[in-house]
Amino acid sequence: MSDQIRSCNAAPDPVLCCLQQAKTIAVVGFSANPERPSHYVAAYLADQGYKVIPVNPGLAGQIWRGQMIVRDLSEASATGPVDIVDVFRQTDAVPAITEAAIANGAGCLWLQSGIVHAGAAETARSAGLLVVMDACLMVEHRLRAARIH
């Protein structure tokens, strides 16, 4: 599936293409606090039918909505391909997350609102990943919802 996501780079609306093709989303920096954006974005995406894998080493092993919270992207990818890596971490953590996304075969690196890292974006693009920066996945999904499913 991630190869299909990577092909979205050439689509007229790469974000729409990505959201149409994606099945599994790893939310890196997931919070158990329902008031945190990473939590309610993950819940929204799960409600839209995506398989959401919460990633947080401090919460690893706990269960959220029937899904095991995992330590890192390697654990997230252990059960199958991760299509979108949705990042809710500070900018200085992005390069390592980018390398892990590439190593684990993700199709898209999505940096949430306020997160921009040009170097990591270039690394991801060079590896063929679709890159979205400084945009909320939930907001972008809502904008395109009528055309997604």
C-alpha atoms as a PDB file:
ATOM      1  CA  MET A   1       0.000   0.000   0.000  1.00  0.00           C
ATOM      2  CA  SER A   2       2.768   2.489   0.795  1.00  0.00           C
ATOM      3  CA  ASP A   3       3.996   2.340  -2.812  1.00  0.00           C
ATOM      4  CA  GLN A   4       0.530   3.556  -3.824  1.00  0.00           C
ATOM      5  CA  ILE A   5       0.861   6.394  -1.314  1.00  0.00           C
ATOM      6  CA  ARG A   6       4.276   7.297  -2.725  1.00  0.00           C
ATOM      7  CA  SER A   7       2.758   7.503  -6.201  1.00  0.00           C
ATOM      8  CA  CYS A   8       0.482  10.261  -4.863  1.00  0.00           C
ATOM      9  CA  ASN A   9       3.403  12.672  -5.271  1.00  0.00           C
ATOM     10  CA  ALA A  10       2.374  12.980  -8.940  1.00  0.00           C
ATOM     11  CA  ALA A  11      -1.382  13.364  -8.283  1.00  0.00           C
ATOM     12  CA  PRO A  12      -3.210  16.671  -8.874  1.00  0.00           C
ATOM     13  CA  ASP A  13      -4.109  16.700  -5.149  1.00  0.00           C
ATOM     14  CA  PRO A  14      -1.438  14.602  -3.408  1.00  0.00           C
ATOM     15  CA  VAL A  15      -3.114  14.934  -0.007  1.00  0.00           C
ATOM     16  CA  LEU A  16      -6.465  13.687  -1.311  1.00  0.00           C
ATOM     17  CA  CYS A  17      -4.737  10.796  -3.070  1.00  0.00           C
ATOM     18  CA  CYS A  18      -2.868   9.909   0.130  1.00  0.00           C
ATOM     19  CA  LEU A  19      -6.011  10.002   2.251  1.00  0.00           C
ATOM     20  CA  GLN A  20      -7.877   7.855  -0.292  1.00  0.00           C
ATOM     21  CA  GLN A  21      -5.131   5.216  -0.459  1.00  0.00           C
ATOM     22  CA  ALA A  22      -4.084   5.067   3.204  1.00  0.00           C
ATOM     23  CA  LYS A  23      -5.303   2.346   5.527  1.00  0.00           C
ATOM     24  CA  THR A  24      -2.892   2.565   8.476  1.00  0.00           C
ATOM     25  CA  ILE A  25      -1.693   5.681  10.276  1.00  0.00           C
ATOM     26  CA  ALA A  26       0.958   5.711  13.012  1.00  0.00           C
ATOM     27  CA  VAL A  27       0.461   8.676  15.353  1.00  0.00           C
ATOM     28  CA  VAL A  28       3.916   9.459  16.728  1.00  0.00           C
ATOM     29  CA  GLY A  29       3.707  11.423  19.958  1.00  0.00           C
ATOM     30  CA  PHE A  30       0.270  10.079  20.857  1.00  0.00           C
ATOM     31  CA  SER A  31      -1.058  11.319  24.211  1.00  0.00           C
ATOM     32  CA  ALA A  32      -3.463   9.448  26.480  1.00  0.00           C
ATOM     33  CA  ASN A  33      -4.944  12.823  27.462  1.00  0.00           C
ATOM     34  CA  PRO A  34      -8.172  13.304  25.440  1.00  0.00           C
ATOM     35  CA  GLU A  35      -7.641  17.081  25.474  1.00  0.00           C
ATOM     36  CA  ARG A  36      -4.339  16.849  23.573  1.00  0.00           C
ATOM     37  CA  PRO A  37      -4.434  17.248  19.782  1.00  0.00           C
ATOM     38  CA  SER A  38      -2.628  13.951  19.173  1.00  0.00           C
ATOM     39  CA  HIS A  39      -5.367  12.122  21.052  1.00  0.00           C
ATOM     40  CA  TYR A  40      -8.393  13.693  19.424  1.00  0.00           C
ATOM     41  CA  VAL A  41      -6.849  13.607  15.941  1.00  0.00           C
ATOM     42  CA  ALA A  42      -6.109   9.897  16.429  1.00  0.00           C
ATOM     43  CA  ALA A  43      -9.691   9.329  17.616  1.00  0.00           C
ATOM     44  CA  TYR A  44     -11.089  11.225  14.631  1.00  0.00           C
ATOM     45  CA  LEU A  45      -8.977   9.198  12.186  1.00  0.00           C
ATOM     46  CA  ALA A  46     -10.023   5.932  13.833  1.00  0.00           C
ATOM     47  CA  ASP A  47     -13.667   7.033  13.580  1.00  0.00           C
ATOM     48  CA  GLN A  48     -13.123   7.603   9.842  1.00  0.00           C
ATOM     49  CA  GLY A  49     -12.108   3.967   9.389  1.00  0.00           C
ATOM     50  CA  TYR A  50      -8.337   4.174   9.430  1.00  0.00           C
ATOM     51  CA  LYS A  51      -6.297   1.737  11.499  1.00  0.00           C
ATOM     52  CA  VAL A  52      -4.546   4.053  13.956  1.00  0.00           C
ATOM     53  CA  ILE A  53      -1.430   2.867  15.754  1.00  0.00           C
ATOM     54  CA  PRO A  54      -0.530   5.109  18.697  1.00  0.00           C
ATOM     55  CA  VAL A  55       3.234   5.527  19.175  1.00  0.00           C
ATOM     56  CA  ASN A  56       4.575   6.665  22.550  1.00  0.00           C
ATOM     57  CA  PRO A  57       7.397   4.876  24.401  1.00  0.00           C
ATOM     58  CA  GLY A  58       6.088   6.055  27.777  1.00  0.00           C
ATOM     59  CA  LEU A  59       2.689   4.443  27.164  1.00  0.00           C
ATOM     60  CA  ALA A  60       3.889   1.343  25.283  1.00  0.00           C
ATOM     61  CA  GLY A  61       1.926  -1.786  26.144  1.00  0.00           C
ATOM     62  CA  GLN A  62      -1.238   0.057  27.124  1.00  0.00           C
ATOM     63  CA  ILE A  63      -4.389  -0.349  25.075  1.00  0.00           C
ATOM     64  CA  TRP A  64      -6.255   2.507  23.404  1.00  0.00           C
ATOM     65  CA  ARG A  65      -9.514   1.692  21.578  1.00  0.00           C
ATOM     66  CA  GLY A  66      -8.472  -1.937  21.298  1.00  0.00           C
ATOM     67  CA  GLN A  67      -5.104  -1.025  19.751  1.00  0.00           C
ATOM     68  CA  MET A  68      -1.797  -1.590  21.536  1.00  0.00           C
ATOM     69  CA  ILE A  69       0.233   1.574  22.032  1.00  0.00           C
ATOM     70  CA  VAL A  70       3.703   0.863  20.673  1.00  0.00           C
ATOM     71  CA  ARG A  71       7.173   2.133  21.518  1.00  0.00           C
ATOM     72  CA  ASP A  72       8.350   3.143  18.032  1.00  0.00           C
ATOM     73  CA  LEU A  73       7.746   2.863  14.302  1.00  0.00           C
ATOM     74  CA  SER A  74       9.481  -0.517  14.114  1.00  0.00           C
ATOM     75  CA  GLU A  75       6.844  -1.934  16.453  1.00  0.00           C
ATOM     76  CA  ALA A  76       4.097  -0.116  14.548  1.00  0.00           C
ATOM     77  CA  SER A  77       5.263  -1.699  11.289  1.00  0.00           C
ATOM     78  CA  ALA A  78       5.623  -5.186  12.757  1.00  0.00           C
ATOM     79  CA  THR A  79       2.006  -6.101  11.957  1.00  0.00           C
ATOM     80  CA  GLY A  80       1.936  -4.590   8.476  1.00  0.00           C
ATOM     81  CA  PRO A  81       2.760  -1.497   6.463  1.00  0.00           C
ATOM     82  CA  VAL A  82       2.245   1.967   7.891  1.00  0.00           C
ATOM     83  CA  ASP A  83       0.948   4.275   5.185  1.00  0.00           C
ATOM     84  CA  ILE A  84       1.135   7.615   6.998  1.00  0.00           C
ATOM     85  CA  VAL A  85       3.462   8.593   9.841  1.00  0.00           C
ATOM     86  CA  ASP A  86       1.633  11.463  11.565  1.00  0.00           C
ATOM     87  CA  VAL A  87       4.088  13.386  13.746  1.00  0.00           C
ATOM     88  CA  PHE A  88       3.116  15.231  16.934  1.00  0.00           C
ATOM     89  CA  ARG A  89       6.641  15.777  18.220  1.00  0.00           C
ATOM     90  CA  GLN A  90       8.954  18.750  18.499  1.00  0.00           C
ATOM     91  CA  THR A  91      10.930  19.705  15.431  1.00  0.00           C
ATOM     92  CA  ASP A  92      14.244  18.395  16.783  1.00  0.00           C
ATOM     93  CA  ALA A  93      12.776  14.860  16.897  1.00  0.00           C
ATOM     94  CA  VAL A  94      11.722  14.936  13.223  1.00  0.00           C
ATOM     95  CA  PRO A  95      14.992  13.761  11.585  1.00  0.00           C
ATOM     96  CA  ALA A  96      15.079  10.524  13.610  1.00  0.00           C
ATOM     97  CA  ILE A  97      11.371   9.927  12.978  1.00  0.00           C
ATOM     98  CA  THR A  98      11.961  10.538   9.268  1.00  0.00           C
ATOM     99  CA  GLU A  99      14.748   7.952   9.170  1.00  0.00           C
ATOM    100  CA  ALA A 100      12.515   5.460  10.974  1.00  0.00           C
ATOM    101  CA  ALA A 101       9.635   6.170   8.570  1.00  0.00           C
ATOM    102  CA  ILE A 102      11.931   5.508   5.613  1.00  0.00           C
ATOM    103  CA  ALA A 103      13.449   2.387   7.191  1.00  0.00           C
ATOM    104  CA  ASN A 104       9.998   0.977   7.919  1.00  0.00           C
ATOM    105  CA  GLY A 105       8.582   1.591   4.444  1.00  0.00           C
ATOM    106  CA  ALA A 106       6.067   4.345   5.184  1.00  0.00           C
ATOM    107  CA  GLY A 107       4.465   6.120   2.248  1.00  0.00           C
ATOM    108  CA  CYS A 108       3.897   9.556   3.769  1.00  0.00           C
ATOM    109  CA  LEU A 109       5.572  11.689   6.414  1.00  0.00           C
ATOM    110  CA  TRP A 110       2.970  14.056   7.838  1.00  0.00           C
ATOM    111  CA  LEU A 111       4.182  16.845  10.142  1.00  0.00           C
ATOM    112  CA  GLN A 112       1.293  18.355  12.070  1.00  0.00           C
ATOM    113  CA  SER A 113       0.491  22.063  12.365  1.00  0.00           C
ATOM    114  CA  GLY A 114       3.473  24.091  13.510  1.00  0.00           C
ATOM    115  CA  ILE A 115       6.031  21.410  12.627  1.00  0.00           C
ATOM    116  CA  VAL A 116       8.410  22.198   9.780  1.00  0.00           C
ATOM    117  CA  HIS A 117      11.797  20.603   9.089  1.00  0.00           C
ATOM    118  CA  ALA A 118      13.114  21.284   5.582  1.00  0.00           C
ATOM    119  CA  GLY A 119      16.080  18.912   5.903  1.00  0.00           C
ATOM    120  CA  ALA A 120      13.965  15.987   7.049  1.00  0.00           C
ATOM    121  CA  ALA A 121      11.408  16.758   4.348  1.00  0.00           C
ATOM    122  CA  GLU A 122      14.115  16.641   1.675  1.00  0.00           C
ATOM    123  CA  THR A 123      15.428  13.348   3.080  1.00  0.00           C
ATOM    124  CA  ALA A 124      11.931  11.866   3.013  1.00  0.00           C
ATOM    125  CA  ARG A 125      11.180  13.142  -0.495  1.00  0.00           C
ATOM    126  CA  SER A 126      14.497  11.777  -1.750  1.00  0.00           C
ATOM    127  CA  ALA A 127      13.423   8.379  -0.406  1.00  0.00           C
ATOM    128  CA  GLY A 128      10.134   8.684  -2.328  1.00  0.00           C
ATOM    129  CA  LEU A 129       7.814   9.580   0.551  1.00  0.00           C
ATOM    130  CA  LEU A 130       5.016  12.075   0.170  1.00  0.00           C
ATOM    131  CA  VAL A 131       5.669  14.896   2.651  1.00  0.00           C
ATOM    132  CA  VAL A 132       3.118  17.200   4.241  1.00  0.00           C
ATOM    133  CA  MET A 133       4.348  19.841   6.701  1.00  0.00           C
ATOM    134  CA  ASP A 134       2.628  22.304   8.996  1.00  0.00           C
ATOM    135  CA  ALA A 135      -0.857  20.901   8.388  1.00  0.00           C
ATOM    136  CA  CYS A 136      -3.354  19.071  10.567  1.00  0.00           C
ATOM    137  CA  LEU A 137      -4.277  15.683   9.148  1.00  0.00           C
ATOM    138  CA  MET A 138      -7.753  15.907  10.694  1.00  0.00           C
ATOM    139  CA  VAL A 139      -8.415  19.328   9.146  1.00  0.00           C
ATOM    140  CA  GLU A 140      -7.151  18.225   5.739  1.00  0.00           C
ATOM    141  CA  HIS A 141      -9.306  15.096   5.938  1.00  0.00           C
ATOM    142  CA  ARG A 142     -12.394  17.132   6.798  1.00  0.00           C
ATOM    143  CA  LEU A 143     -11.723  19.484   3.859  1.00  0.00           C
ATOM    144  CA  ARG A 144     -11.690  16.521   1.471  1.00  0.00           C
ATOM    145  CA  ALA A 145     -14.078  14.131   3.265  1.00  0.00           C
ATOM    146  CA  ALA A 146     -16.726  14.096   0.541  1.00  0.00           C
ATOM    147  CA  ARG A 147     -14.131  12.913  -1.990  1.00  0.00           C
ATOM    148  CA  ILE A 148     -12.260  10.385   0.163  1.00  0.00           C
ATOM    149  CA  HIS A 149     -14.497   7.339   0.602  1.00  0.00           C
END
